[in-house]
Amino acid sequence: MNTQTTTATRTSNATKSRRVTNRSSKASSSRRAADRRTATEPQHVSEVIPEAVEEIKQKAESRKEAAKQRRAELKALSNQLKQGVQAGMIPESEDGTINGLLRFFYAQQGHTELKTFDEWKEAGYIVRKGQKAILLWGKPRKHNAGKENAEAGEDTDQQTTDQQDDFFPVCYVFSNLQVHAINKPADAQA
């Protein structure tokens, strides 16, 4: 009986020492993990914020430059079409607008039906991956030149014509050649 008690005592002592060892190794491993986290993470948030803000500013600037470039391309194409009409090389558009000329130009390339992304989606189509939008002029918006002049204290009696105050945004559309029908499951159609 004495040997059994001694064996049981040794076993319980060994188990206790293993528990203590496991606890200390867990504590040291969590300390090491904390040390690794602090070594890879920045010391202070103030170090991260300027870098993130700068990255956001650069992305915004590149988007603005790309939009300016697309607008310049649309202006150049519009001017070429106007000159073609004036020279008699291109027929006048049905509605007499620049967008009418642009639609005629795109129709010559096979783009007969032009809609925005949302309009195609409502019609049950989706734009194919990788397709680039076709550019048209959007609805004119009033330019705030009059407000700016009034705030600056300038005389607003000599307002320019409405056409000069209008701002024409670029409208992004897709053609019938750039979309495909959305495949709906048979259950959804019933």
Protein backbone atom coordinates (compact mmCIF):
# COMPACT_ATOMS: atom_id res chain seq x y z
CA MET A 1 0.00 0.00 0.00
CA ASN A 2 2.88 2.22 0.68
CA THR A 3 4.19 1.79 -2.87
CA GLN A 4 0.81 2.59 -4.28
CA THR A 5 0.59 5.80 -2.26
CA THR A 6 4.07 6.80 -3.27
CA THR A 7 3.29 6.14 -6.93
CA ALA A 8 0.06 8.11 -6.70
CA THR A 9 1.89 11.00 -5.01
CA ARG A 10 4.57 11.03 -7.68
CA THR A 11 1.93 11.02 -10.43
CA SER A 12 0.02 13.91 -8.88
CA ASN A 13 3.24 15.87 -8.34
CA ALA A 14 4.24 15.29 -11.98
CA THR A 15 0.82 16.42 -13.16
CA LYS A 16 1.05 19.57 -11.02
CA SER A 17 4.50 20.40 -12.37
CA ARG A 18 3.27 19.91 -15.94
CA ARG A 19 0.38 22.31 -15.27
CA VAL A 20 2.75 24.92 -13.87
CA THR A 21 5.09 24.44 -16.83
CA ASN A 22 2.19 24.75 -19.29
CA ARG A 23 0.98 27.92 -17.58
CA SER A 24 4.40 29.51 -17.68
CA SER A 25 4.94 28.52 -21.31
CA LYS A 26 1.51 29.90 -22.23
CA ALA A 27 2.32 33.15 -20.48
CA SER A 28 5.70 33.43 -22.18
CA SER A 29 4.22 32.59 -25.59
CA SER A 30 1.55 35.28 -25.15
CA ARG A 31 4.30 37.75 -24.16
CA ARG A 32 6.24 36.80 -27.29
CA ALA A 33 3.13 37.27 -29.44
CA ALA A 34 2.57 40.70 -27.89
CA ASP A 35 6.20 41.59 -28.57
CA ARG A 36 5.79 40.50 -32.22
CA ARG A 37 2.62 42.58 -32.60
CA THR A 38 4.24 45.72 -31.26
CA ALA A 39 7.32 45.18 -33.39
CA THR A 40 5.28 45.01 -36.62
CA GLU A 41 2.63 47.61 -35.73
CA PRO A 42 3.40 51.33 -35.78
CA GLN A 43 4.13 52.85 -32.43
CA HIS A 44 1.44 55.51 -32.66
CA VAL A 45 -1.66 56.23 -34.72
CA SER A 46 -0.27 59.62 -35.71
CA GLU A 47 2.32 57.79 -37.82
CA VAL A 48 -0.38 56.01 -39.86
CA ILE A 49 -2.87 58.81 -40.46
CA PRO A 50 -0.68 61.11 -42.62
CA GLU A 51 0.29 58.19 -44.85
CA ALA A 52 -3.35 57.15 -45.33
CA VAL A 53 -4.47 60.72 -45.99
CA GLU A 54 -1.71 61.19 -48.56
CA GLU A 55 -2.70 57.95 -50.31
CA ILE A 56 -6.35 59.05 -50.46
CA LYS A 57 -5.35 62.45 -51.86
CA GLN A 58 -3.22 60.80 -54.57
CA LYS A 59 -6.07 58.49 -55.61
CA ALA A 60 -8.50 61.42 -55.76
CA GLU A 61 -6.07 63.43 -57.88
CA SER A 62 -5.57 60.54 -60.31
CA ARG A 63 -9.37 60.15 -60.64
CA LYS A 64 -9.73 63.88 -61.30
CA GLU A 65 -7.00 63.76 -63.95
CA ALA A 66 -8.65 60.75 -65.63
CA ALA A 67 -12.02 62.55 -65.65
CA LYS A 68 -10.41 65.67 -67.15
CA GLN A 69 -8.78 63.54 -69.82
CA ARG A 70 -12.07 61.82 -70.74
CA ARG A 71 -13.81 65.21 -70.86
CA ALA A 72 -11.08 66.57 -73.15
CA GLU A 73 -11.44 63.53 -75.45
CA LEU A 74 -15.22 64.07 -75.64
CA LYS A 75 -14.72 67.76 -76.42
CA ALA A 76 -12.27 66.91 -79.20
CA LEU A 77 -14.64 64.32 -80.72
CA SER A 78 -17.56 66.78 -80.47
CA ASN A 79 -15.54 69.49 -82.21
CA GLN A 80 -14.50 67.11 -85.00
CA LEU A 81 -18.12 66.10 -85.57
CA LYS A 82 -19.25 69.76 -85.62
CA GLN A 83 -16.57 70.57 -88.18
CA GLY A 84 -17.66 67.58 -90.25
CA VAL A 85 -21.25 68.85 -90.30
CA GLN A 86 -20.12 72.36 -91.21
CA ALA A 87 -18.00 70.96 -94.06
CA GLY A 88 -20.94 68.85 -95.27
CA MET A 89 -19.10 65.55 -94.72
CA ILE A 90 -21.43 64.38 -91.94
CA PRO A 91 -25.22 64.70 -92.12
CA GLU A 92 -26.94 66.92 -89.55
CA SER A 93 -28.30 64.98 -86.56
CA GLU A 94 -32.05 64.42 -86.33
CA ASP A 95 -32.42 66.43 -83.15
CA GLY A 96 -29.75 68.99 -84.07
CA THR A 97 -27.64 68.40 -80.96
CA ILE A 98 -24.08 67.36 -80.34
CA ASN A 99 -25.36 64.24 -78.57
CA GLY A 100 -27.31 63.43 -81.73
CA LEU A 101 -24.06 63.61 -83.71
CA LEU A 102 -22.29 61.47 -81.10
CA ARG A 103 -25.07 58.85 -81.22
CA PHE A 104 -24.82 58.83 -85.04
CA PHE A 105 -21.04 58.38 -84.79
CA TYR A 106 -21.40 55.51 -82.30
CA ALA A 107 -24.18 53.92 -84.42
CA GLN A 108 -21.72 53.75 -87.33
CA GLN A 109 -19.62 51.48 -85.09
CA GLY A 110 -22.62 49.27 -84.24
CA HIS A 111 -23.57 50.87 -80.92
CA THR A 112 -27.24 51.44 -81.74
CA GLU A 113 -28.87 51.31 -78.29
CA LEU A 114 -27.24 53.38 -75.54
CA LYS A 115 -28.28 53.21 -71.88
CA THR A 116 -26.72 53.89 -68.51
CA PHE A 117 -25.58 51.02 -66.30
CA ASP A 118 -28.73 51.26 -64.15
CA GLU A 119 -31.02 51.41 -67.18
CA TRP A 120 -29.50 48.21 -68.59
CA LYS A 121 -29.85 46.56 -65.19
CA GLU A 122 -33.54 47.51 -65.00
CA ALA A 123 -34.03 46.08 -68.51
CA GLY A 124 -32.60 42.72 -67.38
CA TYR A 125 -29.08 43.06 -68.78
CA ILE A 126 -25.65 43.35 -67.23
CA VAL A 127 -22.55 45.03 -68.63
CA ARG A 128 -19.82 42.57 -69.59
CA LYS A 129 -16.73 42.61 -67.43
CA GLY A 130 -13.99 44.92 -68.69
CA GLN A 131 -16.20 47.04 -70.96
CA LYS A 132 -15.45 50.77 -71.07
CA ALA A 133 -18.27 53.29 -71.05
CA ILE A 134 -19.18 55.35 -74.09
CA LEU A 135 -19.23 59.09 -73.43
CA LEU A 136 -22.08 61.48 -74.12
CA TRP A 137 -22.84 64.93 -72.77
CA GLY A 138 -25.20 64.93 -69.80
CA LYS A 139 -28.02 67.32 -68.96
CA PRO A 140 -26.72 70.86 -68.53
CA ARG A 141 -26.36 72.14 -65.01
CA LYS A 142 -26.33 75.77 -64.06
CA HIS A 143 -22.86 77.01 -63.29
CA ASN A 144 -22.56 79.04 -60.08
CA ALA A 145 -20.63 81.92 -61.65
CA GLY A 146 -23.34 84.42 -60.65
CA LYS A 147 -23.16 83.38 -57.01
CA GLU A 148 -19.38 83.53 -57.02
CA ASN A 149 -19.44 87.04 -58.50
CA ALA A 150 -22.05 88.20 -55.95
CA GLU A 151 -19.97 86.84 -53.08
CA ALA A 152 -16.91 88.62 -54.43
CA GLY A 153 -18.87 91.90 -54.56
CA GLU A 154 -18.81 92.16 -58.35
CA ASP A 155 -21.68 93.62 -60.37
CA THR A 156 -24.07 90.84 -61.41
CA ASP A 157 -25.99 93.03 -63.90
CA GLN A 158 -23.69 91.95 -66.70
CA GLN A 159 -24.51 88.24 -66.60
CA THR A 160 -23.33 86.10 -69.45
CA THR A 161 -25.80 84.15 -71.54
CA ASP A 162 -27.37 80.98 -70.15
CA GLN A 163 -25.38 78.82 -72.55
CA GLN A 164 -22.10 80.14 -71.20
CA ASP A 165 -23.26 79.59 -67.61
CA ASP A 166 -24.32 76.00 -68.29
CA PHE A 167 -22.02 73.17 -67.36
CA PHE A 168 -22.39 69.95 -69.35
CA PRO A 169 -21.28 66.92 -67.32
CA VAL A 170 -20.05 63.75 -68.97
CA CYS A 171 -22.60 60.93 -69.10
CA TYR A 172 -21.33 57.34 -69.13
CA VAL A 173 -23.44 54.91 -71.18
CA PHE A 174 -23.06 51.38 -72.53
CA SER A 175 -24.28 49.99 -75.82
CA ASN A 176 -26.14 46.87 -76.87
CA LEU A 177 -22.78 45.38 -77.92
CA GLN A 178 -21.41 45.66 -74.37
CA VAL A 179 -24.16 43.84 -72.43
CA HIS A 180 -25.67 40.40 -72.09
CA ALA A 181 -28.93 39.14 -70.58
CA ILE A 182 -28.95 38.21 -66.92
CA ASN A 183 -29.53 34.48 -66.54
CA LYS A 184 -32.32 34.07 -64.00
CA PRO A 185 -33.01 30.66 -62.43
CA ALA A 186 -36.19 28.89 -63.61
CA ASP A 187 -37.64 29.11 -60.06
CA ALA A 188 -37.37 32.92 -60.05
CA GLN A 189 -39.21 33.28 -63.36
CA ALA A 190 -42.28 31.33 -62.21
